[in-house]
Amino acid sequence: MWLDINRVDYGPTPLQQRVTVTRGDCAWAADIERQQHYKQRCVHNRARPLSYAIAWDGDPCGLLTFGLPQFTKQRGLFGYPGLPTQWQVVVLYRFWLHPRVQGKWAPDRISPTRGRPLNLASCALAPVLGAKPKQPCRLQQDWPRHSPPRIPYAPSGLRLVLAYADPLVGHQGTIYRAANFTQWGQTRQRSPRPSRRGGHDGHVKRIFVYHLPDRLP
């Protein structure tokens, strides 16, 4: 049962305490990515996707899917001397919220927020990327168990999260900025690949980065 935004109680409890993020089933996540996400395809298994289910007061309302990057290095970011290795980087491939909770403003007629943003997206990222003092964040703890290092003795603790925003489909990266990502640059224009699933390959996308705390799990 998906969250019914028309029956949500916008009481005084902070949203951060009402949004929960738990490990999601791979088959469940792949089904949502194919049917609900605008790309209409799931993350390839070679990326070793790790998914989380987002819930508001216990009702599912979205998902997050992280995975290994599709390339081994990118100048200025990783894979070069003095930078994180390719095994220390993950990509936020899918960030999907149910259409019922994608509105930017809470309706005044049922909400005491008086038109302020709900900030659901940043509240969903905080439990995964936020770290306590002297402790790794949750993603840094979950990833080694989900995807053990392939190369012995190579640095493997996560240090960097990448995310992409496609302005051509209306994504400006606002939610990433709200979650303390910084815009690093943009991808290069490429020839679009033919896709029967309506893919958006070839678009110039904005690159956002999030530096994880330098603490080994």
Protein backbone atom coordinates (compact mmCIF):
# COMPACT_ATOMS: atom_id res chain seq x y z
CA MET A 1 0.00 0.00 0.00
CA TRP A 2 1.51 3.30 -1.10
CA LEU A 3 1.33 6.41 1.05
CA ASP A 4 -1.96 8.31 0.66
CA ILE A 5 -0.90 11.96 0.84
CA ASN A 6 -4.53 13.04 1.34
CA ARG A 7 -4.64 11.19 4.67
CA VAL A 8 -1.25 12.26 5.99
CA ASP A 9 -1.24 13.77 9.46
CA TYR A 10 1.01 16.87 9.31
CA GLY A 11 1.32 16.96 13.07
CA PRO A 12 4.10 18.58 15.09
CA THR A 13 6.41 15.54 14.85
CA PRO A 14 9.45 16.50 12.72
CA LEU A 15 9.53 14.88 9.32
CA GLN A 16 13.02 13.55 10.03
CA GLN A 17 11.52 11.33 12.71
CA ARG A 18 8.71 10.07 10.48
CA VAL A 19 10.73 9.12 7.40
CA THR A 20 12.48 5.75 7.61
CA VAL A 21 14.90 4.14 5.18
CA THR A 22 15.44 0.37 5.15
CA ARG A 23 17.24 -2.09 2.88
CA GLY A 24 15.01 -2.89 -0.07
CA ASP A 25 14.48 -6.18 -1.86
CA CYS A 26 16.33 -6.30 -5.21
CA ALA A 27 13.36 -7.70 -7.15
CA TRP A 28 11.01 -5.10 -5.64
CA ALA A 29 13.40 -2.28 -6.52
CA ALA A 30 13.95 -3.52 -10.08
CA ASP A 31 10.19 -3.74 -10.65
CA ILE A 32 9.67 -0.13 -9.51
CA GLU A 33 12.59 1.10 -11.60
CA ARG A 34 11.15 -0.51 -14.73
CA GLN A 35 7.55 0.59 -14.16
CA GLN A 36 7.76 3.90 -12.28
CA HIS A 37 11.10 5.61 -12.92
CA TYR A 38 11.31 7.86 -15.98
CA LYS A 39 14.18 5.80 -17.45
CA GLN A 40 11.96 2.70 -17.40
CA ARG A 41 14.83 0.31 -16.79
CA CYS A 42 16.52 -1.11 -13.74
CA VAL A 43 20.16 -0.70 -12.78
CA HIS A 44 22.33 -3.36 -14.41
CA ASN A 45 23.48 -6.20 -12.17
CA ARG A 46 27.11 -5.48 -13.05
CA ALA A 47 26.79 -2.29 -10.98
CA ARG A 48 25.93 -4.45 -7.95
CA PRO A 49 22.87 -2.31 -7.12
CA LEU A 50 22.06 -1.70 -3.47
CA SER A 51 18.53 -0.41 -2.86
CA TYR A 52 16.78 1.23 0.08
CA ALA A 53 13.03 1.59 0.60
CA ILE A 54 11.74 4.98 1.77
CA ALA A 55 8.67 5.09 4.03
CA TRP A 56 6.66 7.86 5.67
CA ASP A 57 4.95 6.77 8.90
CA GLY A 58 5.54 3.19 7.76
CA ASP A 59 3.92 3.59 4.33
CA PRO A 60 6.26 3.10 1.31
CA CYS A 61 6.79 6.23 -0.75
CA GLY A 62 10.05 5.82 -2.68
CA LEU A 63 13.42 4.18 -3.17
CA LEU A 64 17.15 4.83 -3.48
CA THR A 65 19.49 2.66 -5.54
CA PHE A 66 23.28 2.92 -5.42
CA GLY A 67 25.80 1.04 -7.53
CA LEU A 68 29.34 0.91 -8.89
CA PRO A 69 30.21 3.51 -11.56
CA GLN A 70 30.24 2.41 -15.20
CA PHE A 71 33.79 3.70 -15.71
CA THR A 72 37.06 3.12 -13.88
CA LYS A 73 38.23 6.71 -13.53
CA GLN A 74 37.25 10.32 -14.08
CA ARG A 75 39.78 13.10 -14.09
CA GLY A 76 39.50 15.26 -11.02
CA LEU A 77 37.18 12.87 -9.18
CA PHE A 78 38.56 9.35 -8.83
CA GLY A 79 40.86 6.74 -10.32
CA TYR A 80 43.96 8.97 -10.45
CA PRO A 81 46.87 9.30 -7.97
CA GLY A 82 45.83 11.13 -4.83
CA LEU A 83 42.11 10.55 -5.49
CA PRO A 84 39.71 7.80 -4.38
CA THR A 85 39.96 4.54 -6.35
CA GLN A 86 37.11 3.22 -8.46
CA TRP A 87 36.24 0.85 -5.60
CA GLN A 88 35.72 3.81 -3.25
CA VAL A 89 32.99 5.42 -5.36
CA VAL A 90 29.29 4.65 -5.83
CA VAL A 91 26.66 6.30 -7.99
CA LEU A 92 23.14 7.18 -6.87
CA TYR A 93 21.52 5.70 -9.97
CA ARG A 94 17.89 5.92 -8.92
CA PHE A 95 16.13 8.31 -6.57
CA TRP A 96 12.41 7.87 -6.99
CA LEU A 97 9.54 9.27 -4.94
CA HIS A 98 5.92 8.36 -5.50
CA PRO A 99 4.02 11.06 -7.45
CA ARG A 100 1.80 11.59 -4.40
CA VAL A 101 4.75 13.02 -2.47
CA GLN A 102 6.62 14.76 -5.28
CA GLY A 103 4.78 18.07 -4.84
CA LYS A 104 7.02 20.91 -3.72
CA TRP A 105 4.48 22.40 -1.30
CA ALA A 106 2.19 21.01 1.33
CA PRO A 107 -1.48 22.04 0.79
CA ASP A 108 -2.44 24.77 3.26
CA ARG A 109 -5.91 23.32 3.72
CA ILE A 110 -4.60 20.18 5.41
CA SER A 111 -1.13 21.24 6.53
CA PRO A 112 0.15 23.49 9.32
CA THR A 113 3.38 23.97 7.32
CA ARG A 114 1.76 27.02 5.68
CA GLY A 115 3.19 26.25 2.26
CA ARG A 116 6.74 25.43 3.35
CA PRO A 117 8.65 22.66 1.51
CA LEU A 118 8.24 19.17 2.90
CA ASN A 119 11.94 18.35 2.31
CA LEU A 120 11.10 14.67 2.00
CA ALA A 121 13.97 14.03 -0.42
CA SER A 122 16.70 15.36 1.87
CA CYS A 123 15.12 13.56 4.84
CA ALA A 124 15.37 10.31 2.88
CA LEU A 125 19.05 10.79 2.07
CA ALA A 126 20.08 11.86 5.57
CA PRO A 127 19.76 8.40 7.24
CA VAL A 128 21.92 6.83 4.52
CA LEU A 129 24.62 9.48 4.01
CA GLY A 130 24.63 11.23 7.38
CA ALA A 131 27.35 10.14 9.83
CA LYS A 132 27.66 10.35 13.59
CA PRO A 133 30.89 11.59 15.18
CA LYS A 134 33.75 9.08 14.76
CA GLN A 135 31.47 6.64 12.92
CA PRO A 136 31.00 5.80 9.23
CA CYS A 137 27.67 6.56 7.63
CA ARG A 138 25.15 3.82 6.98
CA LEU A 139 26.07 3.47 3.30
CA GLN A 140 29.73 2.99 4.26
CA GLN A 141 28.67 0.18 6.60
CA ASP A 142 26.22 -1.54 4.25
CA TRP A 143 28.26 -1.42 1.05
CA PRO A 144 31.19 -3.71 2.07
CA ARG A 145 28.72 -6.35 3.22
CA HIS A 146 26.70 -6.03 0.03
CA SER A 147 29.68 -5.79 -2.35
CA PRO A 148 32.92 -7.12 -0.82
CA PRO A 149 36.16 -5.70 -2.27
CA ARG A 150 37.27 -7.44 -5.46
CA ILE A 151 40.98 -6.69 -5.15
CA PRO A 152 42.69 -7.69 -1.86
CA TYR A 153 44.65 -4.95 -0.11
CA ALA A 154 43.28 -2.24 -2.44
CA PRO A 155 41.60 0.77 -0.75
CA SER A 156 37.89 0.01 -0.67
CA GLY A 157 36.17 2.15 1.98
CA LEU A 158 33.61 4.40 0.29
CA ARG A 159 34.71 8.01 -0.04
CA LEU A 160 32.54 9.52 -2.77
CA VAL A 161 28.94 9.42 -3.99
CA LEU A 162 28.07 10.66 -7.48
CA ALA A 163 24.63 11.73 -8.70
CA TYR A 164 23.41 13.02 -12.05
CA ALA A 165 20.62 15.45 -12.87
CA ASP A 166 19.16 15.64 -16.38
CA PRO A 167 17.82 19.17 -17.07
CA LEU A 168 16.21 17.94 -20.29
CA VAL A 169 13.62 16.05 -18.21
CA GLY A 170 13.22 18.83 -15.65
CA HIS A 171 15.79 17.70 -13.09
CA GLN A 172 17.91 20.61 -11.86
CA GLY A 173 19.62 18.91 -8.92
CA THR A 174 17.69 20.84 -6.27
CA ILE A 175 17.27 17.82 -4.01
CA TYR A 176 20.98 17.06 -4.19
CA ARG A 177 21.92 20.58 -3.19
CA ALA A 178 19.48 20.36 -0.28
CA ALA A 179 21.26 17.17 0.82
CA ASN A 180 24.68 18.90 0.78
CA PHE A 181 25.85 17.59 -2.59
CA THR A 182 27.95 20.03 -4.59
CA GLN A 183 27.80 20.48 -8.34
CA TRP A 184 31.10 19.40 -9.86
CA GLY A 185 30.53 19.80 -13.59
CA GLN A 186 28.60 18.12 -16.36
CA THR A 187 28.86 15.13 -18.64
CA ARG A 188 29.85 15.34 -22.28
CA GLN A 189 27.35 15.29 -25.11
CA ARG A 190 27.15 11.83 -26.63
CA SER A 191 25.25 10.33 -29.52
CA PRO A 192 21.99 8.95 -28.15
CA ARG A 193 21.64 5.20 -28.16
CA PRO A 194 18.50 3.74 -29.71
CA SER A 195 16.26 2.39 -26.99
CA ARG A 196 12.90 0.71 -27.18
CA ARG A 197 12.31 1.68 -23.55
CA GLY A 198 12.48 5.42 -24.08
CA GLY A 199 15.91 5.90 -22.53
CA HIS A 200 17.52 9.33 -22.26
CA ASP A 201 21.11 8.38 -23.16
CA GLY A 202 23.27 11.08 -24.67
CA HIS A 203 21.87 14.01 -22.69
CA VAL A 204 24.27 16.40 -20.99
CA LYS A 205 23.73 15.87 -17.26
CA ARG A 206 24.89 17.83 -14.26
CA ILE A 207 27.29 15.96 -12.00
CA PHE A 208 26.86 16.25 -8.23
CA VAL A 209 29.28 14.85 -5.65
CA TYR A 210 29.00 14.05 -1.97
CA HIS A 211 32.17 13.44 0.05
CA LEU A 212 31.72 10.76 2.68
CA PRO A 213 33.54 10.95 6.03
CA ASP A 214 37.04 9.54 5.96
CA ARG A 215 36.34 6.75 8.43
CA LEU A 216 36.73 3.07 7.65
CA PRO A 217 33.79 0.86 8.66
